[in-house]
Amino acid sequence: MELDQFITTTLKSIIKSVNDTKEFAESNGAIINPVIMEQIEDHDQTTSIWRKDGKDGRRHLTTVDFDVAVTASNEENSKIGGGLKIQVLNLGASTSENLTNETTSRIKFCLKVALPHQGDK
């Protein structure tokens, strides 16, 4: 996979995942990646003022950090060329003599999340 394809595929996957999660989060009193209007330092915590549906609110935002290893592999003599997969755990044995070329990349990103308050839903 070429670098431009890798970047495009990675960013599309992140954007799709965030959009897929937003509806669930909102129905459970949380907000994924809210618009931040102002930040206030308050006793070693950052409180952010965000705007939702034209209303201002004040909620503590939690930063969720992601550090994902992505493995791209290309196996010779295979009918299927390379692929992009997130490898969490790889177990197994093989007696094949095929040659495999594997490249592992790290993708790091973070999202701000306004977690539900008590009584939110």
PDB file of N, CA and C in Angstrom:
ATOM      1  N   MET A   1       0.852  -1.169   0.000  1.00  0.00           N
ATOM      2  CA  MET A   1       0.000   0.000   0.000  1.00  0.00           C
ATOM      3  C   MET A   1       0.901   1.236   0.000  1.00  0.00           C
ATOM      4  N   GLU A   2       0.599   2.157  -0.854  1.00  0.00           N
ATOM      5  CA  GLU A   2       1.356   3.403  -0.940  1.00  0.00           C
ATOM      6  C   GLU A   2       1.010   4.308   0.243  1.00  0.00           C
ATOM      7  N   LEU A   3       1.910   5.238   0.544  1.00  0.00           N
ATOM      8  CA  LEU A   3       1.724   6.127   1.689  1.00  0.00           C
ATOM      9  C   LEU A   3       0.430   6.921   1.595  1.00  0.00           C
ATOM     10  N   ASP A   4       0.122   7.469   0.420  1.00  0.00           N
ATOM     11  CA  ASP A   4      -1.101   8.269   0.290  1.00  0.00           C
ATOM     12  C   ASP A   4      -2.351   7.428   0.518  1.00  0.00           C
ATOM     13  N   GLN A   5      -2.338   6.180   0.061  1.00  0.00           N
ATOM     14  CA  GLN A   5      -3.474   5.276   0.300  1.00  0.00           C
ATOM     15  C   GLN A   5      -3.593   4.950   1.788  1.00  0.00           C
ATOM     16  N   PHE A   6      -2.451   4.729   2.432  1.00  0.00           N
ATOM     17  CA  PHE A   6      -2.441   4.413   3.858  1.00  0.00           C
ATOM     18  C   PHE A   6      -3.036   5.563   4.666  1.00  0.00           C
ATOM     19  N   ILE A   7      -2.589   6.781   4.383  1.00  0.00           N
ATOM     20  CA  ILE A   7      -3.090   7.951   5.109  1.00  0.00           C
ATOM     21  C   ILE A   7      -4.582   8.136   4.861  1.00  0.00           C
ATOM     22  N   THR A   8      -5.008   8.020   3.604  1.00  0.00           N
ATOM     23  CA  THR A   8      -6.427   8.177   3.263  1.00  0.00           C
ATOM     24  C   THR A   8      -7.282   7.133   3.973  1.00  0.00           C
ATOM     25  N   THR A   9      -6.871   5.881   3.912  1.00  0.00           N
ATOM     26  CA  THR A   9      -7.627   4.794   4.545  1.00  0.00           C
ATOM     27  C   THR A   9      -7.689   4.980   6.059  1.00  0.00           C
ATOM     28  N   THR A  10      -6.576   5.360   6.657  1.00  0.00           N
ATOM     29  CA  THR A  10      -6.520   5.551   8.106  1.00  0.00           C
ATOM     30  C   THR A  10      -7.445   6.673   8.553  1.00  0.00           C
ATOM     31  N   LEU A  11      -7.354   7.830   7.891  1.00  0.00           N
ATOM     32  CA  LEU A  11      -8.196   8.966   8.279  1.00  0.00           C
ATOM     33  C   LEU A  11      -9.672   8.682   8.045  1.00  0.00           C
ATOM     34  N   LYS A  12     -10.008   8.002   6.946  1.00  0.00           N
ATOM     35  CA  LYS A  12     -11.409   7.638   6.699  1.00  0.00           C
ATOM     36  C   LYS A  12     -11.927   6.727   7.806  1.00  0.00           C
ATOM     37  N   SER A  13     -11.108   5.783   8.239  1.00  0.00           N
ATOM     38  CA  SER A  13     -11.521   4.861   9.302  1.00  0.00           C
ATOM     39  C   SER A  13     -11.746   5.593  10.619  1.00  0.00           C
ATOM     40  N   ILE A  14     -10.860   6.527  10.952  1.00  0.00           N
ATOM     41  CA  ILE A  14     -11.016   7.293  12.193  1.00  0.00           C
ATOM     42  C   ILE A  14     -12.284   8.138  12.136  1.00  0.00           C
ATOM     43  N   ILE A  15     -12.492   8.850  11.025  1.00  0.00           N
ATOM     44  CA  ILE A  15     -13.673   9.710  10.874  1.00  0.00           C
ATOM     45  C   ILE A  15     -14.952   8.896  10.940  1.00  0.00           C
ATOM     46  N   LYS A  16     -14.989   7.749  10.252  1.00  0.00           N
ATOM     47  CA  LYS A  16     -16.181   6.898  10.259  1.00  0.00           C
ATOM     48  C   LYS A  16     -16.463   6.391  11.672  1.00  0.00           C
ATOM     49  N   SER A  17     -15.420   5.988  12.379  1.00  0.00           N
ATOM     50  CA  SER A  17     -15.597   5.481  13.742  1.00  0.00           C
ATOM     51  C   SER A  17     -16.145   6.553  14.672  1.00  0.00           C
ATOM     52  N   VAL A  18     -15.631   7.774  14.556  1.00  0.00           N
ATOM     53  CA  VAL A  18     -16.126   8.872  15.392  1.00  0.00           C
ATOM     54  C   VAL A  18     -17.593   9.144  15.079  1.00  0.00           C
ATOM     55  N   ASN A  19     -17.938   9.213  13.805  1.00  0.00           N
ATOM     56  CA  ASN A  19     -19.338   9.455  13.425  1.00  0.00           C
ATOM     57  C   ASN A  19     -20.258   8.329  13.879  1.00  0.00           C
ATOM     58  N   ASP A  20     -19.799   7.084  13.772  1.00  0.00           N
ATOM     59  CA  ASP A  20     -20.603   5.944  14.218  1.00  0.00           C
ATOM     60  C   ASP A  20     -20.850   5.990  15.725  1.00  0.00           C
ATOM     61  N   THR A  21     -19.907   6.536  16.480  1.00  0.00           N
ATOM     62  CA  THR A  21     -19.995   6.567  17.931  1.00  0.00           C
ATOM     63  C   THR A  21     -20.818   7.738  18.457  1.00  0.00           C
ATOM     64  N   LYS A  22     -20.908   8.832  17.705  1.00  0.00           N
ATOM     65  CA  LYS A  22     -21.576  10.052  18.180  1.00  0.00           C
ATOM     66  C   LYS A  22     -23.025   9.821  18.605  1.00  0.00           C
ATOM     67  N   GLU A  23     -23.809   9.119  17.802  1.00  0.00           N
ATOM     68  CA  GLU A  23     -25.228   8.910  18.118  1.00  0.00           C
ATOM     69  C   GLU A  23     -25.387   8.138  19.425  1.00  0.00           C
ATOM     70  N   PHE A  24     -24.598   7.075  19.590  1.00  0.00           N
ATOM     71  CA  PHE A  24     -24.654   6.292  20.825  1.00  0.00           C
ATOM     72  C   PHE A  24     -24.270   7.164  22.017  1.00  0.00           C
ATOM     73  N   ALA A  25     -23.213   7.946  21.861  1.00  0.00           N
ATOM     74  CA  ALA A  25     -22.749   8.798  22.957  1.00  0.00           C
ATOM     75  C   ALA A  25     -23.824   9.799  23.366  1.00  0.00           C
ATOM     76  N   GLU A  26     -24.420  10.471  22.393  1.00  0.00           N
ATOM     77  CA  GLU A  26     -25.433  11.483  22.702  1.00  0.00           C
ATOM     78  C   GLU A  26     -26.663  10.877  23.366  1.00  0.00           C
ATOM     79  N   SER A  27     -27.058   9.669  22.951  1.00  0.00           N
ATOM     80  CA  SER A  27     -28.227   9.038  23.569  1.00  0.00           C
ATOM     81  C   SER A  27     -27.929   8.559  24.991  1.00  0.00           C
ATOM     82  N   ASN A  28     -26.652   8.579  25.367  1.00  0.00           N
ATOM     83  CA  ASN A  28     -26.255   8.173  26.713  1.00  0.00           C
ATOM     84  C   ASN A  28     -25.628   9.315  27.507  1.00  0.00           C
ATOM     85  N   GLY A  29     -25.896  10.557  27.096  1.00  0.00           N
ATOM     86  CA  GLY A  29     -25.463  11.716  27.865  1.00  0.00           C
ATOM     87  C   GLY A  29     -24.018  12.137  27.678  1.00  0.00           C
ATOM     88  N   ALA A  30     -23.352  11.642  26.645  1.00  0.00           N
ATOM     89  CA  ALA A  30     -21.961  12.010  26.387  1.00  0.00           C
ATOM     90  C   ALA A  30     -21.869  12.735  25.047  1.00  0.00           C
ATOM     91  N   ILE A  31     -20.750  13.410  24.835  1.00  0.00           N
ATOM     92  CA  ILE A  31     -20.528  14.101  23.570  1.00  0.00           C
ATOM     93  C   ILE A  31     -19.115  13.784  23.101  1.00  0.00           C
ATOM     94  N   ILE A  32     -19.001  13.309  21.874  1.00  0.00           N
ATOM     95  CA  ILE A  32     -17.705  13.004  21.283  1.00  0.00           C
ATOM     96  C   ILE A  32     -17.217  14.233  20.526  1.00  0.00           C
ATOM     97  N   ASN A  33     -15.999  14.658  20.818  1.00  0.00           N
ATOM     98  CA  ASN A  33     -15.347  15.750  20.104  1.00  0.00           C
ATOM     99  C   ASN A  33     -16.193  17.032  20.051  1.00  0.00           C
ATOM    100  N   PRO A  34     -16.606  17.560  21.216  1.00  0.00           N
ATOM    101  CA  PRO A  34     -17.440  18.770  21.211  1.00  0.00           C
ATOM    102  C   PRO A  34     -16.657  19.995  20.746  1.00  0.00           C
ATOM    103  N   VAL A  35     -17.376  20.993  20.273  1.00  0.00           N
ATOM    104  CA  VAL A  35     -16.759  22.259  19.891  1.00  0.00           C
ATOM    105  C   VAL A  35     -16.375  22.992  21.178  1.00  0.00           C
ATOM    106  N   ILE A  36     -15.122  23.365  21.295  1.00  0.00           N
ATOM    107  CA  ILE A  36     -14.641  24.040  22.501  1.00  0.00           C
ATOM    108  C   ILE A  36     -14.614  25.538  22.239  1.00  0.00           C
ATOM    109  N   MET A  37     -15.335  26.285  23.067  1.00  0.00           N
ATOM    110  CA  MET A  37     -15.379  27.737  22.924  1.00  0.00           C
ATOM    111  C   MET A  37     -14.353  28.418  23.836  1.00  0.00           C
ATOM    112  N   GLU A  38     -14.118  27.858  25.016  1.00  0.00           N
ATOM    113  CA  GLU A  38     -13.227  28.482  25.994  1.00  0.00           C
ATOM    114  C   GLU A  38     -12.798  27.418  26.993  1.00  0.00           C
ATOM    115  N   GLN A  39     -11.574  27.526  27.499  1.00  0.00           N
ATOM    116  CA  GLN A  39     -11.112  26.600  28.521  1.00  0.00           C
ATOM    117  C   GLN A  39     -10.780  27.364  29.789  1.00  0.00           C
ATOM    118  N   ILE A  40     -11.130  26.780  30.928  1.00  0.00           N
ATOM    119  CA  ILE A  40     -10.903  27.404  32.230  1.00  0.00           C
ATOM    120  C   ILE A  40     -10.107  26.427  33.089  1.00  0.00           C
ATOM    121  N   GLU A  41      -8.998  26.872  33.648  1.00  0.00           N
ATOM    122  CA  GLU A  41      -8.219  26.041  34.564  1.00  0.00           C
ATOM    123  C   GLU A  41      -8.855  26.124  35.943  1.00  0.00           C
ATOM    124  N   ASP A  42      -9.173  24.969  36.531  1.00  0.00           N
ATOM    125  CA  ASP A  42      -9.868  24.947  37.809  1.00  0.00           C
ATOM    126  C   ASP A  42      -9.305  23.824  38.673  1.00  0.00           C
ATOM    127  N   HIS A  43      -8.433  24.156  39.615  1.00  0.00           N
ATOM    128  CA  HIS A  43      -7.875  23.178  40.554  1.00  0.00           C
ATOM    129  C   HIS A  43      -7.300  21.964  39.831  1.00  0.00           C
ATOM    130  N   ASP A  44      -6.334  22.176  38.982  1.00  0.00           N
ATOM    131  CA  ASP A  44      -5.637  21.123  38.246  1.00  0.00           C
ATOM    132  C   ASP A  44      -6.526  20.362  37.268  1.00  0.00           C
ATOM    133  N   GLN A  45      -7.699  20.851  36.966  1.00  0.00           N
ATOM    134  CA  GLN A  45      -8.552  20.239  35.950  1.00  0.00           C
ATOM    135  C   GLN A  45      -8.894  21.310  34.932  1.00  0.00           C
ATOM    136  N   THR A  46      -9.039  20.896  33.708  1.00  0.00           N
ATOM    137  CA  THR A  46      -9.455  21.833  32.680  1.00  0.00           C
ATOM    138  C   THR A  46     -10.933  21.633  32.423  1.00  0.00           C
ATOM    139  N   THR A  47     -11.690  22.681  32.602  1.00  0.00           N
ATOM    140  CA  THR A  47     -13.112  22.653  32.288  1.00  0.00           C
ATOM    141  C   THR A  47     -13.286  23.411  30.992  1.00  0.00           C
ATOM    142  N   SER A  48     -14.008  22.855  30.085  1.00  0.00           N
ATOM    143  CA  SER A  48     -14.204  23.500  28.801  1.00  0.00           C
ATOM    144  C   SER A  48     -15.642  23.928  28.649  1.00  0.00           C
ATOM    145  N   ILE A  49     -15.818  25.078  28.039  1.00  0.00           N
ATOM    146  CA  ILE A  49     -17.155  25.537  27.694  1.00  0.00           C
ATOM    147  C   ILE A  49     -17.367  25.153  26.238  1.00  0.00           C
ATOM    148  N   TRP A  50     -18.404  24.440  25.971  1.00  0.00           N
ATOM    149  CA  TRP A  50     -18.686  23.957  24.622  1.00  0.00           C
ATOM    150  C   TRP A  50     -20.082  24.368  24.226  1.00  0.00           C
ATOM    151  N   ARG A  51     -20.352  24.331  22.958  1.00  0.00           N
ATOM    152  CA  ARG A  51     -21.664  24.736  22.454  1.00  0.00           C
ATOM    153  C   ARG A  51     -22.315  23.525  21.779  1.00  0.00           C
ATOM    154  N   LYS A  52     -23.559  23.260  22.168  1.00  0.00           N
ATOM    155  CA  LYS A  52     -24.325  22.161  21.577  1.00  0.00           C
ATOM    156  C   LYS A  52     -25.728  22.678  21.292  1.00  0.00           C
ATOM    157  N   ASP A  53     -26.172  22.550  20.068  1.00  0.00           N
ATOM    158  CA  ASP A  53     -27.514  22.992  19.670  1.00  0.00           C
ATOM    159  C   ASP A  53     -27.776  24.453  20.038  1.00  0.00           C
ATOM    160  N   GLY A  54     -26.748  25.301  19.884  1.00  0.00           N
ATOM    161  CA  GLY A  54     -26.927  26.722  20.151  1.00  0.00           C
ATOM    162  C   GLY A  54     -26.896  27.106  21.614  1.00  0.00           C
ATOM    163  N   LYS A  55     -26.655  26.158  22.507  1.00  0.00           N
ATOM    164  CA  LYS A  55     -26.626  26.448  23.941  1.00  0.00           C
ATOM    165  C   LYS A  55     -25.200  26.290  24.457  1.00  0.00           C
ATOM    166  N   ASP A  56     -24.834  27.127  25.400  1.00  0.00           N
ATOM    167  CA  ASP A  56     -23.530  26.999  26.031  1.00  0.00           C
ATOM    168  C   ASP A  56     -23.658  26.077  27.234  1.00  0.00           C
ATOM    169  N   GLY A  57     -22.621  25.344  27.498  1.00  0.00           N
ATOM    170  CA  GLY A  57     -22.612  24.470  28.654  1.00  0.00           C
ATOM    171  C   GLY A  57     -21.198  24.382  29.181  1.00  0.00           C
ATOM    172  N   ARG A  58     -21.045  23.879  30.378  1.00  0.00           N
ATOM    173  CA  ARG A  58     -19.723  23.731  30.954  1.00  0.00           C
ATOM    174  C   ARG A  58     -19.590  22.302  31.440  1.00  0.00           C
ATOM    175  N   ARG A  59     -18.647  21.597  30.880  1.00  0.00           N
ATOM    176  CA  ARG A  59     -18.415  20.205  31.262  1.00  0.00           C
ATOM    177  C   ARG A  59     -16.922  19.935  31.262  1.00  0.00           C
ATOM    178  N   HIS A  60     -16.529  19.034  32.101  1.00  0.00           N
ATOM    179  CA  HIS A  60     -15.146  18.570  32.099  1.00  0.00           C
ATOM    180  C   HIS A  60     -14.962  17.651  30.893  1.00  0.00           C
ATOM    181  N   LEU A  61     -13.908  17.881  30.134  1.00  0.00           N
ATOM    182  CA  LEU A  61     -13.627  17.032  28.983  1.00  0.00           C
ATOM    183  C   LEU A  61     -12.509  16.062  29.320  1.00  0.00           C
ATOM    184  N   THR A  62     -12.702  14.822  28.939  1.00  0.00           N
ATOM    185  CA  THR A  62     -11.699  13.789  29.110  1.00  0.00           C
ATOM    186  C   THR A  62     -11.025  13.556  27.768  1.00  0.00           C
ATOM    187  N   THR A  63      -9.712  13.465  27.776  1.00  0.00           N
ATOM    188  CA  THR A  63      -8.981  13.155  26.558  1.00  0.00           C
ATOM    189  C   THR A  63      -8.758  11.650  26.505  1.00  0.00           C
ATOM    190  N   VAL A  64      -9.210  11.027  25.432  1.00  0.00           N
ATOM    191  CA  VAL A  64      -9.004   9.597  25.229  1.00  0.00           C
ATOM    192  C   VAL A  64      -7.903   9.456  24.183  1.00  0.00           C
ATOM    193  N   ASP A  65      -6.785   8.873  24.593  1.00  0.00           N
ATOM    194  CA  ASP A  65      -5.646   8.685  23.695  1.00  0.00           C
ATOM    195  C   ASP A  65      -5.691   7.299  23.068  1.00  0.00           C
ATOM    196  N   PHE A  66      -5.438   7.249  21.781  1.00  0.00           N
ATOM    197  CA  PHE A  66      -5.366   5.987  21.053  1.00  0.00           C
ATOM    198  C   PHE A  66      -3.951   5.824  20.517  1.00  0.00           C
ATOM    199  N   ASP A  67      -3.390   4.643  20.678  1.00  0.00           N
ATOM    200  CA  ASP A  67      -2.077   4.308  20.133  1.00  0.00           C
ATOM    201  C   ASP A  67      -2.231   2.910  19.541  1.00  0.00           C
ATOM    202  N   VAL A  68      -2.415   2.846  18.229  1.00  0.00           N
ATOM    203  CA  VAL A  68      -2.792   1.606  17.561  1.00  0.00           C
ATOM    204  C   VAL A  68      -1.667   1.153  16.637  1.00  0.00           C
ATOM    205  N   ALA A  69      -1.332  -0.125  16.690  1.00  0.00           N
ATOM    206  CA  ALA A  69      -0.374  -0.699  15.747  1.00  0.00           C
ATOM    207  C   ALA A  69      -1.147  -1.263  14.565  1.00  0.00           C
ATOM    208  N   VAL A  70      -0.762  -0.843  13.374  1.00  0.00           N
ATOM    209  CA  VAL A  70      -1.418  -1.306  12.150  1.00  0.00           C
ATOM    210  C   VAL A  70      -0.393  -2.083  11.351  1.00  0.00           C
ATOM    211  N   THR A  71      -0.761  -3.291  10.948  1.00  0.00           N
ATOM    212  CA  THR A  71       0.138  -4.139  10.186  1.00  0.00           C
ATOM    213  C   THR A  71      -0.364  -4.283   8.765  1.00  0.00           C
ATOM    214  N   ALA A  72       0.495  -3.976   7.815  1.00  0.00           N
ATOM    215  CA  ALA A  72       0.185  -4.196   6.403  1.00  0.00           C
ATOM    216  C   ALA A  72       1.071  -5.336   5.939  1.00  0.00           C
ATOM    217  N   SER A  73       0.472  -6.337   5.308  1.00  0.00           N
ATOM    218  CA  SER A  73       1.269  -7.478   4.872  1.00  0.00           C
ATOM    219  C   SER A  73       1.007  -7.790   3.409  1.00  0.00           C
ATOM    220  N   ASN A  74       2.024  -8.310   2.776  1.00  0.00           N
ATOM    221  CA  ASN A  74       1.941  -8.722   1.385  1.00  0.00           C
ATOM    222  C   ASN A  74       2.594 -10.090   1.290  1.00  0.00           C
ATOM    223  N   GLU A  75       1.835 -11.087   0.879  1.00  0.00           N
ATOM    224  CA  GLU A  75       2.337 -12.454   0.830  1.00  0.00           C
ATOM    225  C   GLU A  75       2.524 -12.874  -0.616  1.00  0.00           C
ATOM    226  N   GLU A  76       3.727 -13.348  -0.940  1.00  0.00           N
ATOM    227  CA  GLU A  76       3.990 -13.839  -2.287  1.00  0.00           C
ATOM    228  C   GLU A  76       3.252 -15.147  -2.517  1.00  0.00           C
ATOM    229  N   ASN A  77       2.909 -15.411  -3.775  1.00  0.00           N
ATOM    230  CA  ASN A  77       2.205 -16.626  -4.184  1.00  0.00           C
ATOM    231  C   ASN A  77       0.810 -16.718  -3.580  1.00  0.00           C
ATOM    232  N   SER A  78       0.277 -15.631  -3.170  1.00  0.00           N
ATOM    233  CA  SER A  78      -1.064 -15.611  -2.605  1.00  0.00           C
ATOM    234  C   SER A  78      -2.016 -15.029  -3.628  1.00  0.00           C
ATOM    235  N   LYS A  79      -3.239 -15.528  -3.668  1.00  0.00           N
ATOM    236  CA  LYS A  79      -4.235 -15.001  -4.590  1.00  0.00           C
ATOM    237  C   LYS A  79      -4.696 -13.618  -4.158  1.00  0.00           C
ATOM    238  N   ILE A  80      -4.637 -13.342  -2.869  1.00  0.00           N
ATOM    239  CA  ILE A  80      -5.048 -12.043  -2.350  1.00  0.00           C
ATOM    240  C   ILE A  80      -3.784 -11.271  -2.006  1.00  0.00           C
ATOM    241  N   GLY A  81      -3.655 -10.062  -2.534  1.00  0.00           N
ATOM    242  CA  GLY A  81      -2.484  -9.220  -2.279  1.00  0.00           C
ATOM    243  C   GLY A  81      -2.456  -8.760  -0.841  1.00  0.00           C
ATOM    244  N   GLY A  82      -1.800  -7.693  -0.567  1.00  0.00           N
ATOM    245  CA  GLY A  82      -1.658  -7.191   0.793  1.00  0.00           C
ATOM    246  C   GLY A  82      -2.978  -6.779   1.398  1.00  0.00           C
ATOM    247  N   GLY A  83      -2.909  -6.283   2.585  1.00  0.00           N
ATOM    248  CA  GLY A  83      -4.115  -5.834   3.263  1.00  0.00           C
ATOM    249  C   GLY A  83      -3.747  -4.981   4.451  1.00  0.00           C
ATOM    250  N   LEU A  84      -4.723  -4.307   4.959  1.00  0.00           N
ATOM    251  CA  LEU A  84      -4.527  -3.470   6.130  1.00  0.00           C
ATOM    252  C   LEU A  84      -5.375  -4.054   7.244  1.00  0.00           C
ATOM    253  N   LYS A  85      -4.748  -4.352   8.363  1.00  0.00           N
ATOM    254  CA  LYS A  85      -5.491  -4.937   9.471  1.00  0.00           C
ATOM    255  C   LYS A  85      -4.927  -4.404  10.774  1.00  0.00           C
ATOM    256  N   ILE A  86      -5.780  -4.303  11.756  1.00  0.00           N
ATOM    257  CA  ILE A  86      -5.322  -3.938  13.087  1.00  0.00           C
ATOM    258  C   ILE A  86      -5.091  -5.236  13.822  1.00  0.00           C
ATOM    259  N   GLN A  87      -3.874  -5.421  14.255  1.00  0.00           N
ATOM    260  CA  GLN A  87      -3.517  -6.682  14.870  1.00  0.00           C
ATOM    261  C   GLN A  87      -3.525  -6.527  16.381  1.00  0.00           C
ATOM    262  N   VAL A  88      -4.481  -7.172  17.006  1.00  0.00           N
ATOM    263  CA  VAL A  88      -4.565  -7.141  18.458  1.00  0.00           C
ATOM    264  C   VAL A  88      -3.821  -8.337  19.032  1.00  0.00           C
ATOM    265  N   LEU A  89      -4.073  -9.500  18.464  1.00  0.00           N
ATOM    266  CA  LEU A  89      -3.439 -10.726  18.919  1.00  0.00           C
ATOM    267  C   LEU A  89      -3.326 -11.651  17.729  1.00  0.00           C
ATOM    268  N   ASN A  90      -2.167 -12.222  17.525  1.00  0.00           N
ATOM    269  CA  ASN A  90      -1.962 -13.106  16.391  1.00  0.00           C
ATOM    270  C   ASN A  90      -1.432 -14.432  16.907  1.00  0.00           C
ATOM    271  N   LEU A  91      -2.270 -15.458  16.859  1.00  0.00           N
ATOM    272  CA  LEU A  91      -1.878 -16.792  17.288  1.00  0.00           C
ATOM    273  C   LEU A  91      -2.034 -17.749  16.120  1.00  0.00           C
ATOM    274  N   GLY A  92      -1.204 -18.770  16.073  1.00  0.00           N
ATOM    275  CA  GLY A  92      -1.377 -19.762  15.027  1.00  0.00           C
ATOM    276  C   GLY A  92      -0.043 -20.338  14.601  1.00  0.00           C
ATOM    277  N   ALA A  93      -0.136 -21.382  13.792  1.00  0.00           N
ATOM    278  CA  ALA A  93       1.051 -22.035  13.264  1.00  0.00           C
ATOM    279  C   ALA A  93       0.851 -22.245  11.779  1.00  0.00           C
ATOM    280  N   SER A  94       1.971 -22.355  11.068  1.00  0.00           N
ATOM    281  CA  SER A  94       1.873 -22.520   9.629  1.00  0.00           C
ATOM    282  C   SER A  94       3.042 -23.353   9.134  1.00  0.00           C
ATOM    283  N   THR A  95       2.782 -24.180   8.127  1.00  0.00           N
ATOM    284  CA  THR A  95       3.848 -24.951   7.504  1.00  0.00           C
ATOM    285  C   THR A  95       4.094 -24.477   6.081  1.00  0.00           C
ATOM    286  N   SER A  96       3.501 -23.374   5.719  1.00  0.00           N
ATOM    287  CA  SER A  96       3.625 -22.821   4.381  1.00  0.00           C
ATOM    288  C   SER A  96       5.025 -22.266   4.158  1.00  0.00           C
ATOM    289  N   GLU A  97       5.457 -22.290   2.889  1.00  0.00           N
ATOM    290  CA  GLU A  97       6.758 -21.740   2.550  1.00  0.00           C
ATOM    291  C   GLU A  97       6.628 -20.413   1.820  1.00  0.00           C
ATOM    292  N   ASN A  98       5.476 -19.791   1.894  1.00  0.00           N
ATOM    293  CA  ASN A  98       5.288 -18.500   1.247  1.00  0.00           C
ATOM    294  C   ASN A  98       6.081 -17.427   1.979  1.00  0.00           C
ATOM    295  N   LEU A  99       6.547 -16.442   1.227  1.00  0.00           N
ATOM    296  CA  LEU A  99       7.269 -15.319   1.807  1.00  0.00           C
ATOM    297  C   LEU A  99       6.287 -14.205   2.121  1.00  0.00           C
ATOM    298  N   THR A 100       6.398 -13.658   3.308  1.00  0.00           N
ATOM    299  CA  THR A 100       5.505 -12.586   3.716  1.00  0.00           C
ATOM    300  C   THR A 100       6.326 -11.348   4.047  1.00  0.00           C
ATOM    301  N   ASN A 101       5.907 -10.225   3.487  1.00  0.00           N
ATOM    302  CA  ASN A 101       6.523  -8.940   3.796  1.00  0.00           C
ATOM    303  C   ASN A 101       5.535  -8.163   4.652  1.00  0.00           C
ATOM    304  N   GLU A 102       5.947  -7.812   5.868  1.00  0.00           N
ATOM    305  CA  GLU A 102       5.034  -7.163   6.798  1.00  0.00           C
ATOM    306  C   GLU A 102       5.624  -5.836   7.272  1.00  0.00           C
ATOM    307  N   THR A 103       4.786  -4.828   7.320  1.00  0.00           N
ATOM    308  CA  THR A 103       5.190  -3.520   7.818  1.00  0.00           C
ATOM    309  C   THR A 103       4.214  -3.103   8.909  1.00  0.00           C
ATOM    310  N   THR A 104       4.748  -2.703  10.040  1.00  0.00           N
ATOM    311  CA  THR A 104       3.896  -2.260  11.137  1.00  0.00           C
ATOM    312  C   THR A 104       4.081  -0.760  11.336  1.00  0.00           C
ATOM    313  N   SER A 105       2.970  -0.050  11.409  1.00  0.00           N
ATOM    314  CA  SER A 105       2.987   1.393  11.644  1.00  0.00           C
ATOM    315  C   SER A 105       2.173   1.691  12.894  1.00  0.00           C
ATOM    316  N   ARG A 106       2.532   2.756  13.575  1.00  0.00           N
ATOM    317  CA  ARG A 106       1.766   3.196  14.740  1.00  0.00           C
ATOM    318  C   ARG A 106       0.956   4.416  14.362  1.00  0.00           C
ATOM    319  N   ILE A 107      -0.293   4.408  14.782  1.00  0.00           N
ATOM    320  CA  ILE A 107      -1.174   5.547  14.582  1.00  0.00           C
ATOM    321  C   ILE A 107      -1.568   6.036  15.968  1.00  0.00           C
ATOM    322  N   LYS A 108      -1.266   7.294  16.241  1.00  0.00           N
ATOM    323  CA  LYS A 108      -1.605   7.875  17.536  1.00  0.00           C
ATOM    324  C   LYS A 108      -2.516   9.069  17.296  1.00  0.00           C
ATOM    325  N   PHE A 109      -3.634   9.103  18.023  1.00  0.00           N
ATOM    326  CA  PHE A 109      -4.534  10.245  17.956  1.00  0.00           C
ATOM    327  C   PHE A 109      -5.329  10.305  19.250  1.00  0.00           C
ATOM    328  N   CYS A 110      -5.968  11.436  19.484  1.00  0.00           N
ATOM    329  CA  CYS A 110      -6.771  11.571  20.696  1.00  0.00           C
ATOM    330  C   CYS A 110      -8.083  12.265  20.371  1.00  0.00           C
ATOM    331  N   LEU A 111      -9.072  11.994  21.190  1.00  0.00           N
ATOM    332  CA  LEU A 111     -10.388  12.611  21.065  1.00  0.00           C
ATOM    333  C   LEU A 111     -10.787  13.194  22.411  1.00  0.00           C
ATOM    334  N   LYS A 112     -11.465  14.314  22.383  1.00  0.00           N
ATOM    335  CA  LYS A 112     -12.043  14.895  23.594  1.00  0.00           C
ATOM    336  C   LYS A 112     -13.454  14.333  23.749  1.00  0.00           C
ATOM    337  N   VAL A 113     -13.786  13.929  24.957  1.00  0.00           N
ATOM    338  CA  VAL A 113     -15.100  13.355  25.236  1.00  0.00           C
ATOM    339  C   VAL A 113     -15.665  14.020  26.485  1.00  0.00           C
ATOM    340  N   ALA A 114     -16.891  14.514  26.376  1.00  0.00           N
ATOM    341  CA  ALA A 114     -17.627  14.990  27.547  1.00  0.00           C
ATOM    342  C   ALA A 114     -18.426  13.792  28.044  1.00  0.00           C
ATOM    343  N   LEU A 115     -17.954  13.191  29.120  1.00  0.00           N
ATOM    344  CA  LEU A 115     -18.615  12.005  29.663  1.00  0.00           C
ATOM    345  C   LEU A 115     -19.931  12.407  30.322  1.00  0.00           C
ATOM    346  N   PRO A 116     -20.853  11.454  30.488  1.00  0.00           N
ATOM    347  CA  PRO A 116     -22.155  11.779  31.086  1.00  0.00           C
ATOM    348  C   PRO A 116     -22.014  12.270  32.524  1.00  0.00           C
ATOM    349  N   HIS A 117     -22.850  13.222  32.882  1.00  0.00           N
ATOM    350  CA  HIS A 117     -22.967  13.665  34.274  1.00  0.00           C
ATOM    351  C   HIS A 117     -23.958  12.753  34.970  1.00  0.00           C
ATOM    352  N   GLN A 118     -23.960  12.788  36.274  1.00  0.00           N
ATOM    353  CA  GLN A 118     -24.950  12.035  37.026  1.00  0.00           C
ATOM    354  C   GLN A 118     -26.334  12.542  36.638  1.00  0.00           C
ATOM    355  N   GLY A 119     -27.211  11.658  36.278  1.00  0.00           N
ATOM    356  CA  GLY A 119     -28.564  12.036  35.885  1.00  0.00           C
ATOM    357  C   GLY A 119     -28.721  12.305  34.402  1.00  0.00           C
ATOM    358  N   ASP A 120     -27.620  12.341  33.633  1.00  0.00           N
ATOM    359  CA  ASP A 120     -27.718  12.533  32.182  1.00  0.00           C
ATOM    360  C   ASP A 120     -28.212  11.261  31.520  1.00  0.00           C
ATOM    361  N   LYS A 121     -29.020  11.407  30.520  1.00  0.00           N
ATOM    362  CA  LYS A 121     -29.380  10.301  29.633  1.00  0.00           C
ATOM    363  C   LYS A 121     -30.380  10.756  28.636  1.00  0.00           C
TER     364      LYS A 121
END
